[in-house]
Amino acid sequence: MGVCLSITFESVTGFGRRKASSIGTEELLASGGNYRRLREKPDERQTAKVRGCKSGRRRIPFGKRTDFGFERDFANRYALGRLLGHGQFGYTFVAIDKVNGDRVAVKRIDRNKMVLPVAVEDVKREVKILEALRGHENVVHFYNAFEDGNFVYIVMELCQGGELLDRILAKKDNRYSEMDAAIVVRQMLKVAGECHLNGLVHRDMKPENFLFKSANEDSPLKATDFGLSDFIKPGKKFQDIVGSAYYVAPEVLKRRSGPESDVWSIGVITYILLCGRRPFWDSTEDGIFKEILKNKPDFRRKPWPTISNSAKDFVKKVLVKDPRARLTAAQALSHPWVREGGLASEIPLDISVLSNMRQFVNFSRFKQFALRALASTLNSEELADLRDQFNAIDVDKSGAISLEEMRQALAKDLPWTVMEARVLEILEAIDSNTDGLVDFSEFVAATLHVHQLEEHDSEKWQECSKAAFDKFDVDKDGYISVEELRMYTGMKGCIEPLLEEADIDKDGKISLAEFRHMLRTASLNSSNVPSLCIQSSHKFR
C-alpha cells in the first residue's frame, strides 16, 4: 500500500470534462451547473406531448411563476461575491453569511430560463437530494434554498481544495501511493453507500464531481454535483442513458441500471488513479461504449506489474460487467485494499444485504436449506464483508441479531416501509434453530451473494456448491432424492413439491447441475413456492 506510483495521466486530465453525448442523444443542460442530462430515450419526466406545442414539450405558460416553497429572505442573509462558474440557467458565486461572516457557495438559477417543467423538477429534486444527504462527511454540506421573483438560490459549503486529479498531479516528486488512492476511493464509496441507503443513485461518479474541502493535505473529499442523481424505486431499473462516456457502466448502455452503476464508475476512477490511463478507450463515443460492453481492462501494461495484488483484485471485482456479481458499495468498503487504515464502523449498511434478507422469506424451504448448506462451506476470509454487515446490525455486540436490531436495520433501508409483522416474518425465516435470534451462520445463509461467488472465483464456486450438494446426497449416487431431502431437512408431509421446484428434467431427483441452478436463482427475485403442506421439526445442522 505504501509503494509510490509513477502517475503520468496520459491524456487523462483533459478527458471527461464534458458529458457523453451519445450519437442520437438529446441533450438537456441542467439547471445552474456545468453538467448535462443525456437521454437517448426521453422519459415522461423530460417530454410531454401536448396539443399546440410543436416541440412536443410542455412549457410553463408565459407569465406563470412556479412557487418552490423555499425561504424568501436570501438578500437579508447573504451578500454575493465573486463568480465561480456558470451554466445555461445560472451562476455559482462565493457569498458571505451576514450573520457569522462565513464564506459559502451559492448557485443562483434564473427563473426566467426555466421554461420547461423538467427544469423546475430538476431544481426541486437536487434540493431534495442535498437534504437527504445532509451531514455526510464526504458530501458538500447543504445549508438552505431560497427564492425571490427572479432567482432560486441554493446555498452550500464552499470547497476550495481543488479537483481530485489536479491535487494528485500537484503532488511533489510524484509521491503518490496506493494508500493515497485507497483513501480517495474509500471516500467515494462512502458517498455511494450513503446514496444507495437513501434510495438514490448518483449516476455520474467521476473525478470532476469531487472537490477537496481545503488545500490541507488531510482535507476530506466532497461530492459536489448531484445534477444527474435520482431516486429509484425498489426493484426498478433506470431505462435512460445518463452519465459520462468513460465512466458509464455496461448496464446503463443496456438500459437496465441501478445503484450498481455507481460502483462501476468508481472502479474506472480507481483504475485511472492507479495507472494514469482509462480502462476503456476509443477515439469515438460509440467506440468507447463497445469497449465497455465487450472488452476487459488491461492489467499487463506498466505500471500494473508493480501494483499490489490486493489493488488489482479490488479493481477487477468492481469492474465486473454483470452488476449482480459486482461488489456493492458496502462490500467494496470491506475489501482489504480499501479497508486498510479504515474502520469497520465506517462501513454503511448494504442495501443488497437488507434486500436479500427480505427476499429470503419468499424462498422455498429447499432453497433456504441449500443456501445454509452453501454458507457452511465458506471460511471467515470469504465472509469478511458479511461479518462487517452482521456487526453493523448487531448493535449490542451480543453475537446475535434480535428482533429489535432487525427492525432498526430494515428501517434504514429507506425505500422500503417494513411493517412490524413483516419484520418478525423475516427473522423467523432466517432463524433456523428457532431461538428468536439470528446468529452469524443464519445471517450468511440469508444474505450470501451467489453470483459474486461464482464470478469472482469459479473454482471455489464449483468446490463449495459440490460440498453443499454432498450434504444432501447421502448415498453419494450423484443425485438428491425425495427421501434424502426429507432426511436432511427433517420435514414431514408432502415434500415432493419442493423437489419438483428444482427438478428441471422432471426425472424425480436433483442433479448437481440442477442444484447449482437453484442456488443461482437465489440471487434473483424469485416468487414464493407454496409450501402449506410442509411442517418442519428439524433444526438446521
Protein backbone atom coordinates (compact mmCIF):
# COMPACT_ATOMS: atom_id res chain seq x y z
CA MET A 1 0.00 0.00 0.00
CA GLY A 2 2.94 2.35 0.56
CA VAL A 3 4.51 1.86 -2.87
CA CYS A 4 4.76 5.11 -4.78
CA LEU A 5 3.04 5.22 -8.14
CA SER A 6 4.61 6.96 -11.09
CA ILE A 7 1.48 8.54 -12.48
CA THR A 8 1.65 10.49 -15.72
CA PHE A 9 -2.09 10.55 -16.50
CA GLU A 10 -1.52 10.39 -20.23
CA SER A 11 -4.33 12.37 -21.85
CA VAL A 12 -6.43 11.93 -18.73
CA THR A 13 -6.64 15.45 -17.38
CA GLY A 14 -8.47 16.73 -20.41
CA PHE A 15 -10.96 13.93 -20.78
CA GLY A 16 -14.29 13.64 -19.08
CA ARG A 17 -14.78 17.33 -18.58
CA ARG A 18 -17.89 17.02 -20.67
CA LYS A 19 -20.72 14.53 -20.55
CA ALA A 20 -21.01 11.82 -23.15
CA SER A 21 -23.33 12.95 -25.91
CA SER A 22 -24.10 9.58 -27.45
CA ILE A 23 -24.96 9.50 -31.14
CA GLY A 24 -28.63 10.37 -31.47
CA THR A 25 -28.99 11.52 -27.87
CA GLU A 26 -30.88 14.58 -26.82
CA GLU A 27 -29.01 16.91 -24.52
CA LEU A 28 -30.60 18.99 -21.86
CA LEU A 29 -28.38 21.33 -19.89
CA ALA A 30 -29.39 21.03 -16.27
CA SER A 31 -30.08 23.99 -14.08
CA GLY A 32 -27.36 26.13 -12.62
CA GLY A 33 -24.36 23.89 -13.20
CA ASN A 34 -21.95 22.75 -15.88
CA TYR A 35 -23.48 19.31 -16.24
CA ARG A 36 -25.78 17.86 -18.88
CA ARG A 37 -28.58 15.36 -18.74
CA LEU A 38 -28.30 12.89 -21.61
CA ARG A 39 -31.14 10.67 -22.65
CA GLU A 40 -31.28 8.57 -25.79
CA LYS A 41 -34.85 7.66 -24.90
CA PRO A 42 -36.62 10.66 -23.35
CA ASP A 43 -38.85 9.67 -20.47
CA GLU A 44 -42.12 11.07 -19.27
CA ARG A 45 -40.34 13.43 -16.89
CA GLN A 46 -38.49 15.04 -19.75
CA THR A 47 -41.09 15.14 -22.52
CA ALA A 48 -44.83 15.54 -22.52
CA LYS A 49 -46.86 15.61 -25.73
CA VAL A 50 -49.30 18.46 -25.55
CA ARG A 51 -51.63 19.95 -28.11
CA GLY A 52 -50.26 23.04 -29.83
CA CYS A 53 -46.65 22.54 -28.73
CA LYS A 54 -44.53 21.89 -31.82
CA SER A 55 -41.51 20.75 -29.87
CA GLY A 56 -43.52 18.07 -28.10
CA ARG A 57 -42.60 19.53 -24.73
CA ARG A 58 -44.96 21.11 -22.29
CA ARG A 59 -43.87 24.64 -21.46
CA ILE A 60 -44.72 26.70 -18.42
CA PRO A 61 -47.37 29.25 -19.53
CA PHE A 62 -45.95 32.71 -20.12
CA GLY A 63 -46.14 34.88 -17.04
CA LYS A 64 -46.80 31.98 -14.68
CA ARG A 65 -44.41 31.61 -11.76
CA THR A 66 -43.56 28.34 -10.06
CA ASP A 67 -43.54 28.61 -6.29
CA PHE A 68 -40.79 26.32 -5.00
CA GLY A 69 -41.76 26.79 -1.37
CA PHE A 70 -38.26 27.97 -0.43
CA GLU A 71 -37.49 30.78 2.01
CA ARG A 72 -37.55 34.31 0.55
CA ASP A 73 -35.06 36.30 2.63
CA PHE A 74 -31.83 35.49 0.76
CA ALA A 75 -30.79 39.15 0.38
CA ASN A 76 -31.09 39.64 4.13
CA ARG A 77 -28.97 36.60 4.88
CA TYR A 78 -26.18 36.61 2.28
CA ALA A 79 -24.04 39.00 0.22
CA LEU A 80 -22.92 37.70 -3.17
CA GLY A 81 -19.22 37.90 -4.01
CA ARG A 82 -17.04 36.78 -6.90
CA LEU A 83 -18.21 34.45 -9.64
CA LEU A 84 -17.00 30.84 -9.50
CA GLY A 85 -18.63 29.43 -12.64
CA HIS A 86 -21.78 29.31 -14.70
CA GLY A 87 -24.13 27.06 -16.65
CA GLN A 88 -27.02 27.63 -19.03
CA PHE A 89 -29.53 28.50 -16.35
CA GLY A 90 -27.44 30.18 -13.70
CA TYR A 91 -24.20 31.09 -11.96
CA THR A 92 -22.27 29.96 -8.90
CA PHE A 93 -20.86 32.62 -6.58
CA VAL A 94 -18.90 32.92 -3.39
CA ALA A 95 -21.15 34.57 -0.81
CA ILE A 96 -20.79 35.87 2.74
CA ASP A 97 -23.17 34.90 5.52
CA LYS A 98 -24.15 38.26 7.04
CA VAL A 99 -24.79 36.69 10.44
CA ASN A 100 -21.49 34.90 11.11
CA GLY A 101 -19.23 36.02 8.25
CA ASP A 102 -18.76 32.51 6.87
CA ARG A 103 -17.99 32.08 3.17
CA VAL A 104 -20.35 29.79 1.28
CA ALA A 105 -21.06 28.78 -2.31
CA VAL A 106 -24.35 29.92 -3.85
CA LYS A 107 -25.83 28.51 -7.02
CA ARG A 108 -28.13 31.21 -8.45
CA ILE A 109 -30.62 29.92 -11.02
CA ASP A 110 -32.55 32.24 -13.34
CA ARG A 111 -36.26 31.50 -13.05
CA ASN A 112 -37.00 33.08 -16.43
CA LYS A 113 -34.93 30.40 -18.16
CA MET A 114 -36.83 27.54 -16.55
CA VAL A 115 -39.49 27.36 -19.25
CA LEU A 116 -39.79 23.56 -19.19
CA PRO A 117 -41.33 21.67 -16.26
CA VAL A 118 -38.33 19.32 -16.29
CA ALA A 119 -36.04 22.23 -15.37
CA VAL A 120 -38.23 23.05 -12.38
CA GLU A 121 -38.31 19.39 -11.38
CA ASP A 122 -34.52 19.18 -11.65
CA VAL A 123 -34.09 22.01 -9.17
CA LYS A 124 -36.60 20.54 -6.73
CA ARG A 125 -35.00 17.12 -6.98
CA GLU A 126 -31.48 18.44 -6.47
CA VAL A 127 -32.53 20.24 -3.30
CA LYS A 128 -34.33 17.12 -2.07
CA ILE A 129 -31.19 15.05 -2.69
CA LEU A 130 -28.93 17.52 -0.89
CA GLU A 131 -31.33 17.49 2.06
CA ALA A 132 -31.33 13.68 2.14
CA LEU A 133 -27.53 13.53 2.22
CA ARG A 134 -27.03 16.47 4.58
CA GLY A 135 -24.49 15.76 7.31
CA HIS A 136 -22.42 13.15 5.48
CA GLU A 137 -18.74 13.99 5.81
CA ASN A 138 -18.00 13.39 2.13
CA VAL A 139 -20.95 15.29 0.66
CA VAL A 140 -20.87 19.06 0.21
CA HIS A 141 -22.96 20.47 3.04
CA PHE A 142 -26.32 21.93 2.07
CA TYR A 143 -27.37 24.96 4.12
CA ASN A 144 -30.64 26.12 2.62
CA ALA A 145 -32.55 27.04 -0.53
CA PHE A 146 -34.12 30.44 -1.20
CA GLU A 147 -36.18 32.08 -3.93
CA ASP A 148 -37.31 35.53 -4.97
CA GLY A 149 -39.05 36.96 -8.03
CA ASN A 150 -36.09 36.38 -10.34
CA PHE A 151 -33.88 33.62 -8.97
CA VAL A 152 -33.60 30.43 -6.97
CA TYR A 153 -30.58 30.25 -4.64
CA ILE A 154 -29.01 27.01 -3.40
CA VAL A 155 -26.58 27.70 -0.56
CA MET A 156 -23.85 25.12 0.00
CA GLU A 157 -20.48 24.58 1.62
CA LEU A 158 -17.59 26.29 -0.18
CA CYS A 159 -14.88 23.83 -1.26
CA GLN A 160 -11.55 25.42 -2.13
CA GLY A 161 -9.17 22.48 -2.25
CA GLY A 162 -9.42 21.86 -5.98
CA GLU A 163 -10.37 18.88 -8.10
CA LEU A 164 -9.18 15.35 -7.46
CA LEU A 165 -6.88 14.89 -10.45
CA ASP A 166 -5.41 18.38 -10.04
CA ARG A 167 -4.48 17.53 -6.44
CA ILE A 168 -2.78 14.31 -7.50
CA LEU A 169 -0.81 15.98 -10.29
CA ALA A 170 0.34 18.64 -7.83
CA LYS A 171 1.93 16.03 -5.54
CA LYS A 172 5.59 16.88 -5.08
CA ASP A 173 8.07 14.45 -6.70
CA ASN A 174 5.13 12.33 -7.87
CA ARG A 175 4.95 10.83 -4.39
CA TYR A 176 1.52 9.37 -4.86
CA SER A 177 0.99 5.95 -3.33
CA GLU A 178 -1.59 3.18 -3.41
CA MET A 179 -2.55 4.27 0.08
CA ASP A 180 -3.32 7.75 -1.23
CA ALA A 181 -5.51 6.20 -3.91
CA ALA A 182 -7.25 3.91 -1.42
CA ILE A 183 -8.09 6.85 0.85
CA VAL A 184 -9.70 8.68 -2.07
CA VAL A 185 -11.61 5.61 -3.24
CA ARG A 186 -12.85 4.89 0.28
CA GLN A 187 -14.39 8.36 0.49
CA MET A 188 -16.12 7.96 -2.89
CA LEU A 189 -17.51 4.58 -1.86
CA LYS A 190 -18.88 6.07 1.34
CA VAL A 191 -20.78 8.63 -0.74
CA ALA A 192 -22.15 5.89 -2.99
CA GLY A 193 -23.16 3.77 0.00
CA GLU A 194 -24.97 6.68 1.61
CA CYS A 195 -26.78 7.45 -1.64
CA HIS A 196 -27.90 3.86 -2.07
CA LEU A 197 -29.12 3.58 1.51
CA ASN A 198 -31.28 6.64 0.84
CA GLY A 199 -32.76 5.16 -2.33
CA LEU A 200 -30.54 7.31 -4.55
CA VAL A 201 -28.26 6.58 -7.47
CA HIS A 202 -25.61 9.21 -8.18
CA ARG A 203 -25.37 8.29 -11.89
CA ASP A 204 -22.34 10.46 -12.65
CA MET A 205 -19.42 9.42 -10.47
CA LYS A 206 -16.27 10.96 -11.97
CA PRO A 207 -13.25 12.91 -10.66
CA GLU A 208 -14.61 16.33 -11.68
CA ASN A 209 -17.62 15.89 -9.42
CA PHE A 210 -15.45 15.67 -6.32
CA LEU A 211 -13.64 18.59 -4.69
CA PHE A 212 -11.39 18.79 -1.66
CA LYS A 213 -12.74 20.90 1.18
CA SER A 214 -9.44 22.76 1.58
CA ALA A 215 -5.84 22.73 0.41
CA ASN A 216 -4.76 20.89 3.58
CA GLU A 217 -3.11 17.51 3.00
CA ASP A 218 -5.72 15.73 5.13
CA SER A 219 -8.70 17.57 3.64
CA PRO A 220 -11.80 15.42 3.13
CA LEU A 221 -13.07 14.80 -0.38
CA LYS A 222 -16.56 16.12 -1.08
CA ALA A 223 -19.13 15.09 -3.68
CA THR A 224 -20.41 18.37 -5.08
CA ASP A 225 -22.59 17.68 -8.12
CA PHE A 226 -25.84 15.72 -7.97
CA GLY A 227 -27.32 17.12 -11.16
CA LEU A 228 -27.85 13.67 -12.71
CA SER A 229 -28.70 11.88 -9.46
CA ASP A 230 -32.15 10.46 -9.00
CA PHE A 231 -34.29 8.43 -6.63
CA ILE A 232 -35.05 4.87 -7.67
CA LYS A 233 -37.93 2.68 -6.58
CA PRO A 234 -37.08 -0.71 -5.04
CA GLY A 235 -36.83 -3.41 -7.66
CA LYS A 236 -36.92 -0.91 -10.53
CA LYS A 237 -34.26 -0.02 -13.10
CA PHE A 238 -33.43 3.17 -14.97
CA GLN A 239 -34.03 2.85 -18.70
CA ASP A 240 -32.38 6.06 -19.85
CA ILE A 241 -28.72 6.52 -20.75
CA VAL A 242 -27.15 9.08 -18.43
CA GLY A 243 -23.57 9.82 -17.46
CA SER A 244 -20.10 10.46 -18.83
CA ALA A 245 -18.75 8.21 -21.57
CA TYR A 246 -15.58 6.91 -19.93
CA TYR A 247 -17.31 6.09 -16.64
CA VAL A 248 -20.67 4.73 -17.76
CA ALA A 249 -21.48 1.14 -16.72
CA PRO A 250 -22.45 -1.61 -19.20
CA GLU A 251 -25.96 -1.92 -17.75
CA VAL A 252 -26.56 1.80 -18.34
CA LEU A 253 -25.92 1.24 -22.04
CA LYS A 254 -28.32 -1.71 -21.90
CA ARG A 255 -30.96 0.50 -20.24
CA ARG A 256 -31.23 -1.64 -17.09
CA SER A 257 -29.23 0.25 -14.49
CA GLY A 258 -29.44 0.75 -10.75
CA PRO A 259 -27.15 1.51 -7.78
CA GLU A 260 -24.52 -0.92 -9.07
CA SER A 261 -23.60 1.52 -11.85
CA ASP A 262 -22.07 3.92 -9.31
CA VAL A 263 -19.64 1.22 -8.17
CA TRP A 264 -18.55 0.56 -11.76
CA SER A 265 -17.80 4.27 -12.21
CA ILE A 266 -15.71 4.28 -9.02
CA GLY A 267 -13.87 1.25 -10.40
CA VAL A 268 -12.99 3.22 -13.53
CA ILE A 269 -11.75 6.10 -11.36
CA THR A 270 -9.65 3.67 -9.30
CA TYR A 271 -8.07 2.22 -12.43
CA ILE A 272 -7.14 5.73 -13.55
CA LEU A 273 -5.76 6.66 -10.12
CA LEU A 274 -3.51 3.60 -10.09
CA CYS A 275 -2.10 3.68 -13.61
CA GLY A 276 -2.98 7.05 -15.15
CA ARG A 277 -4.88 5.56 -18.08
CA ARG A 278 -8.51 4.88 -18.89
CA PRO A 279 -9.57 1.21 -18.80
CA PHE A 280 -11.84 1.65 -21.83
CA TRP A 281 -10.78 3.97 -24.61
CA ASP A 282 -11.55 4.75 -28.24
CA SER A 283 -11.48 7.87 -30.38
CA THR A 284 -15.29 7.94 -30.63
CA GLU A 285 -18.01 7.58 -28.04
CA ASP A 286 -19.56 4.68 -29.92
CA GLY A 287 -16.16 3.02 -29.79
CA ILE A 288 -15.87 3.67 -26.06
CA PHE A 289 -19.26 2.08 -25.47
CA LYS A 290 -18.27 -1.01 -27.48
CA GLU A 291 -15.11 -1.31 -25.39
CA ILE A 292 -17.12 -1.08 -22.18
CA LEU A 293 -19.58 -3.75 -23.33
CA LYS A 294 -17.11 -6.24 -24.81
CA ASN A 295 -13.56 -5.86 -23.51
CA LYS A 296 -11.75 -6.22 -20.21
CA PRO A 297 -9.28 -3.74 -18.69
CA ASP A 298 -5.57 -4.31 -19.32
CA PHE A 299 -3.61 -5.33 -16.20
CA ARG A 300 -0.39 -6.31 -18.00
CA ARG A 301 0.95 -2.95 -19.18
CA LYS A 302 3.14 -0.88 -16.85
CA PRO A 303 2.74 0.04 -14.05
CA TRP A 304 0.33 -2.84 -13.26
CA PRO A 305 3.09 -5.46 -12.68
CA THR A 306 4.34 -3.32 -9.77
CA ILE A 307 0.90 -2.63 -8.29
CA SER A 308 -0.19 -4.81 -5.38
CA ASN A 309 -2.31 -7.90 -5.96
CA SER A 310 -4.83 -6.54 -3.47
CA ALA A 311 -5.34 -3.37 -5.52
CA LYS A 312 -5.71 -5.37 -8.73
CA ASP A 313 -8.18 -7.72 -7.04
CA PHE A 314 -10.27 -4.76 -5.93
CA VAL A 315 -10.39 -3.17 -9.38
CA LYS A 316 -11.30 -6.47 -11.03
CA LYS A 317 -14.18 -7.04 -8.59
CA VAL A 318 -15.72 -3.61 -9.14
CA LEU A 319 -15.30 -3.71 -12.92
CA VAL A 320 -17.33 -6.90 -13.33
CA LYS A 321 -19.72 -6.40 -16.24
CA ASP A 322 -22.58 -8.35 -14.60
CA PRO A 323 -23.99 -5.93 -11.97
CA ARG A 324 -25.28 -8.89 -9.92
CA ALA A 325 -21.72 -10.15 -9.48
CA ARG A 326 -20.14 -6.73 -8.91
CA LEU A 327 -19.24 -5.67 -5.38
CA THR A 328 -21.75 -3.34 -3.78
CA ALA A 329 -20.50 -0.06 -2.30
CA ALA A 330 -20.61 -1.51 1.21
CA GLN A 331 -18.81 -4.69 0.13
CA ALA A 332 -16.17 -2.64 -1.64
CA LEU A 333 -15.57 -0.73 1.59
CA SER A 334 -14.88 -4.07 3.28
CA HIS A 335 -12.27 -5.07 0.70
CA PRO A 336 -8.77 -5.33 2.28
CA TRP A 337 -7.22 -2.82 -0.12
CA VAL A 338 -9.79 -0.13 0.66
CA ARG A 339 -10.17 -1.17 4.29
CA GLU A 340 -6.52 -0.63 5.23
CA GLY A 341 -6.44 2.36 7.52
CA GLY A 342 -10.22 2.45 7.62
CA LEU A 343 -12.55 1.33 10.39
CA ALA A 344 -15.35 -1.21 10.30
CA SER A 345 -17.65 1.42 11.79
CA GLU A 346 -17.21 3.47 8.61
CA ILE A 347 -18.92 0.78 6.52
CA PRO A 348 -22.59 1.57 5.90
CA LEU A 349 -25.39 -0.95 5.85
CA ASP A 350 -25.56 -2.62 2.45
CA ILE A 351 -28.93 -2.29 0.71
CA SER A 352 -28.27 -5.59 -1.08
CA VAL A 353 -27.92 -7.35 2.28
CA LEU A 354 -31.19 -5.86 3.50
CA SER A 355 -32.85 -6.79 0.21
CA ASN A 356 -31.57 -10.37 0.43
CA MET A 357 -32.97 -10.70 3.95
CA ARG A 358 -36.38 -9.56 2.76
CA GLN A 359 -36.18 -11.92 -0.20
CA PHE A 360 -35.11 -14.95 1.83
CA VAL A 361 -38.56 -15.27 3.40
CA ASN A 362 -40.02 -15.86 -0.09
CA PHE A 363 -37.72 -18.77 -0.93
CA SER A 364 -38.92 -22.35 -0.72
CA ARG A 365 -37.69 -24.35 2.25
CA PHE A 366 -35.44 -26.39 -0.05
CA LYS A 367 -33.73 -23.28 -1.36
CA GLN A 368 -33.30 -21.94 2.18
CA PHE A 369 -31.67 -25.19 3.31
CA ALA A 370 -29.48 -25.23 0.19
CA LEU A 371 -28.24 -21.71 0.92
CA ARG A 372 -27.48 -22.69 4.51
CA ALA A 373 -25.51 -25.67 3.28
CA LEU A 374 -23.57 -23.46 0.84
CA ALA A 375 -22.87 -20.86 3.53
CA SER A 376 -21.41 -23.53 5.81
CA THR A 377 -18.68 -24.29 3.23
CA LEU A 378 -17.17 -20.77 3.25
CA ASN A 379 -14.34 -19.62 5.50
CA SER A 380 -14.04 -16.45 7.57
CA GLU A 381 -11.94 -14.60 4.99
CA GLU A 382 -14.54 -15.22 2.29
CA LEU A 383 -17.25 -13.93 4.60
CA ALA A 384 -15.41 -10.81 5.81
CA ASP A 385 -17.79 -8.35 4.16
CA LEU A 386 -20.85 -10.12 5.58
CA ARG A 387 -19.20 -10.18 9.01
CA ASP A 388 -18.91 -6.38 8.78
CA GLN A 389 -22.60 -6.14 7.89
CA PHE A 390 -23.58 -8.51 10.70
CA ASN A 391 -21.58 -6.48 13.22
CA ALA A 392 -23.19 -3.27 11.98
CA ILE A 393 -26.66 -4.70 12.64
CA ASP A 394 -25.69 -6.39 15.93
CA VAL A 395 -25.64 -3.10 17.82
CA ASP A 396 -25.25 -4.57 21.32
CA LYS A 397 -22.42 -6.87 20.14
CA SER A 398 -24.08 -9.94 21.64
CA GLY A 399 -23.17 -12.13 18.69
CA ALA A 400 -26.78 -12.43 17.55
CA ILE A 401 -29.34 -10.14 15.90
CA SER A 402 -32.50 -9.56 17.89
CA LEU A 403 -35.93 -8.63 16.58
CA GLU A 404 -35.37 -5.00 17.60
CA GLU A 405 -31.97 -4.87 15.87
CA MET A 406 -33.52 -6.42 12.77
CA ARG A 407 -36.27 -3.80 12.86
CA GLN A 408 -33.74 -0.96 13.19
CA ALA A 409 -31.65 -2.28 10.29
CA LEU A 410 -34.60 -2.69 7.94
CA ALA A 411 -35.87 0.77 8.90
CA LYS A 412 -32.64 2.24 7.50
CA ASP A 413 -33.43 0.89 4.06
CA LEU A 414 -35.46 3.99 3.31
CA PRO A 415 -37.08 2.95 0.03
CA TRP A 416 -38.96 0.24 1.89
CA THR A 417 -41.59 0.54 4.58
CA VAL A 418 -41.50 -2.71 6.54
CA MET A 419 -44.47 -3.49 8.75
CA GLU A 420 -43.87 -4.95 12.20
CA ALA A 421 -45.39 -8.32 11.26
CA ARG A 422 -43.15 -8.48 8.19
CA VAL A 423 -40.01 -7.92 10.29
CA LEU A 424 -40.99 -10.83 12.52
CA GLU A 425 -41.70 -12.98 9.46
CA ILE A 426 -38.24 -12.22 8.04
CA LEU A 427 -36.50 -13.00 11.33
CA GLU A 428 -38.39 -16.28 11.74
CA ALA A 429 -37.48 -17.35 8.20
CA ILE A 430 -33.78 -16.69 8.80
CA ASP A 431 -33.79 -18.11 12.35
CA SER A 432 -33.33 -21.80 11.51
CA ASN A 433 -32.89 -23.01 15.10
CA THR A 434 -35.98 -21.09 16.30
CA ASP A 435 -34.28 -19.43 19.28
CA GLY A 436 -35.68 -15.99 18.39
CA LEU A 437 -32.27 -14.66 17.33
CA VAL A 438 -30.22 -14.64 14.12
CA ASP A 439 -26.66 -15.85 14.57
CA PHE A 440 -23.91 -15.29 12.01
CA SER A 441 -24.31 -18.60 10.17
CA GLU A 442 -28.05 -17.98 9.77
CA PHE A 443 -27.34 -14.43 8.62
CA VAL A 444 -24.86 -15.60 5.98
CA ALA A 445 -27.34 -18.09 4.52
CA ALA A 446 -29.89 -15.31 4.05
CA THR A 447 -27.54 -12.67 2.64
CA LEU A 448 -24.99 -14.59 0.55
CA HIS A 449 -24.28 -13.20 -2.93
CA VAL A 450 -24.18 -16.37 -5.03
CA HIS A 451 -23.46 -14.60 -8.33
CA GLN A 452 -20.43 -12.88 -6.81
CA LEU A 453 -19.04 -16.17 -5.51
CA GLU A 454 -19.32 -17.74 -8.97
CA GLU A 455 -17.99 -14.71 -10.86
CA HIS A 456 -15.03 -13.90 -8.62
CA ASP A 457 -13.75 -17.46 -8.11
CA SER A 458 -15.34 -20.07 -10.36
CA GLU A 459 -13.13 -22.83 -8.98
CA LYS A 460 -14.21 -22.00 -5.43
CA TRP A 461 -17.84 -21.90 -6.57
CA GLN A 462 -17.53 -25.37 -8.08
CA GLU A 463 -15.93 -26.68 -4.90
CA CYS A 464 -18.37 -25.08 -2.44
CA SER A 465 -21.53 -25.87 -4.39
CA LYS A 466 -20.40 -29.51 -4.70
CA ALA A 467 -19.72 -29.67 -0.95
CA ALA A 468 -23.17 -28.23 -0.24
CA PHE A 469 -24.74 -30.75 -2.63
CA ASP A 470 -22.93 -33.62 -0.90
CA LYS A 471 -24.57 -32.71 2.40
CA PHE A 472 -27.90 -33.75 0.84
CA ASP A 473 -26.61 -36.64 -1.30
CA VAL A 474 -26.29 -39.19 1.49
CA ASP A 475 -25.80 -42.29 -0.69
CA LYS A 476 -23.32 -40.46 -2.95
CA ASP A 477 -25.01 -41.53 -6.18
CA GLY A 478 -24.81 -38.01 -7.62
CA TYR A 479 -28.48 -37.16 -7.04
CA ILE A 480 -30.72 -35.84 -4.27
CA SER A 481 -33.82 -37.99 -3.89
CA VAL A 482 -37.08 -37.20 -2.12
CA GLU A 483 -36.06 -39.36 0.83
CA GLU A 484 -32.63 -37.71 1.09
CA LEU A 485 -34.27 -34.29 1.05
CA ARG A 486 -36.65 -35.42 3.77
CA MET A 487 -33.79 -36.93 5.78
CA TYR A 488 -31.62 -33.81 5.62
CA THR A 489 -34.32 -31.24 6.30
CA GLY A 490 -36.37 -33.25 8.80
CA MET A 491 -39.53 -32.11 7.06
CA LYS A 492 -42.76 -34.06 7.29
CA GLY A 493 -45.74 -34.14 4.99
CA CYS A 494 -45.78 -33.79 1.21
CA ILE A 495 -42.22 -32.83 0.39
CA GLU A 496 -42.39 -33.63 -3.34
CA PRO A 497 -43.34 -30.05 -4.43
CA LEU A 498 -40.03 -28.78 -3.06
CA LEU A 499 -38.03 -31.25 -5.10
CA GLU A 500 -40.10 -30.54 -8.20
CA GLU A 501 -39.13 -26.85 -7.97
CA ALA A 502 -35.50 -27.71 -8.75
CA ASP A 503 -36.08 -30.83 -10.87
CA ILE A 504 -35.68 -29.27 -14.31
CA ASP A 505 -35.66 -32.51 -16.32
CA LYS A 506 -38.53 -33.98 -14.24
CA ASP A 507 -36.78 -37.28 -13.50
CA GLY A 508 -37.79 -37.23 -9.83
CA LYS A 509 -34.34 -36.35 -8.46
CA ILE A 510 -31.95 -33.41 -8.31
CA SER A 511 -28.59 -33.47 -10.09
CA LEU A 512 -25.61 -31.31 -9.16
CA ALA A 513 -26.29 -29.08 -12.18
CA GLU A 514 -29.91 -28.60 -11.11
CA PHE A 515 -28.80 -27.88 -7.54
CA ARG A 516 -26.40 -25.19 -8.76
CA HIS A 517 -29.09 -23.68 -10.96
CA MET A 518 -31.38 -23.39 -7.94
CA LEU A 519 -28.63 -21.65 -5.94
CA ARG A 520 -28.08 -19.16 -8.75
CA THR A 521 -31.75 -18.20 -8.70
CA ALA A 522 -31.32 -17.16 -5.07
CA SER A 523 -29.63 -14.01 -6.38
CA LEU A 524 -32.68 -13.17 -8.46
CA ASN A 525 -36.15 -12.04 -7.49
CA SER A 526 -37.86 -15.40 -7.07
CA SER A 527 -41.51 -15.92 -6.37
CA ASN A 528 -42.70 -17.80 -3.34
CA VAL A 529 -43.20 -21.52 -3.81
CA PRO A 530 -46.32 -22.78 -2.00
CA SER A 531 -45.37 -24.90 0.98
CA LEU A 532 -48.54 -25.04 3.04
CA CYS A 533 -48.29 -28.80 3.49
CA ILE A 534 -44.73 -28.69 4.86
CA GLN A 535 -44.02 -28.84 8.56
CA SER A 536 -40.50 -28.58 9.91
CA SER A 537 -39.48 -30.29 13.11
CA HIS A 538 -35.78 -30.19 12.41
CA LYS A 539 -33.14 -27.64 13.36
CA PHE A 540 -30.59 -26.69 10.73
CA ARG A 541 -27.39 -28.64 11.13
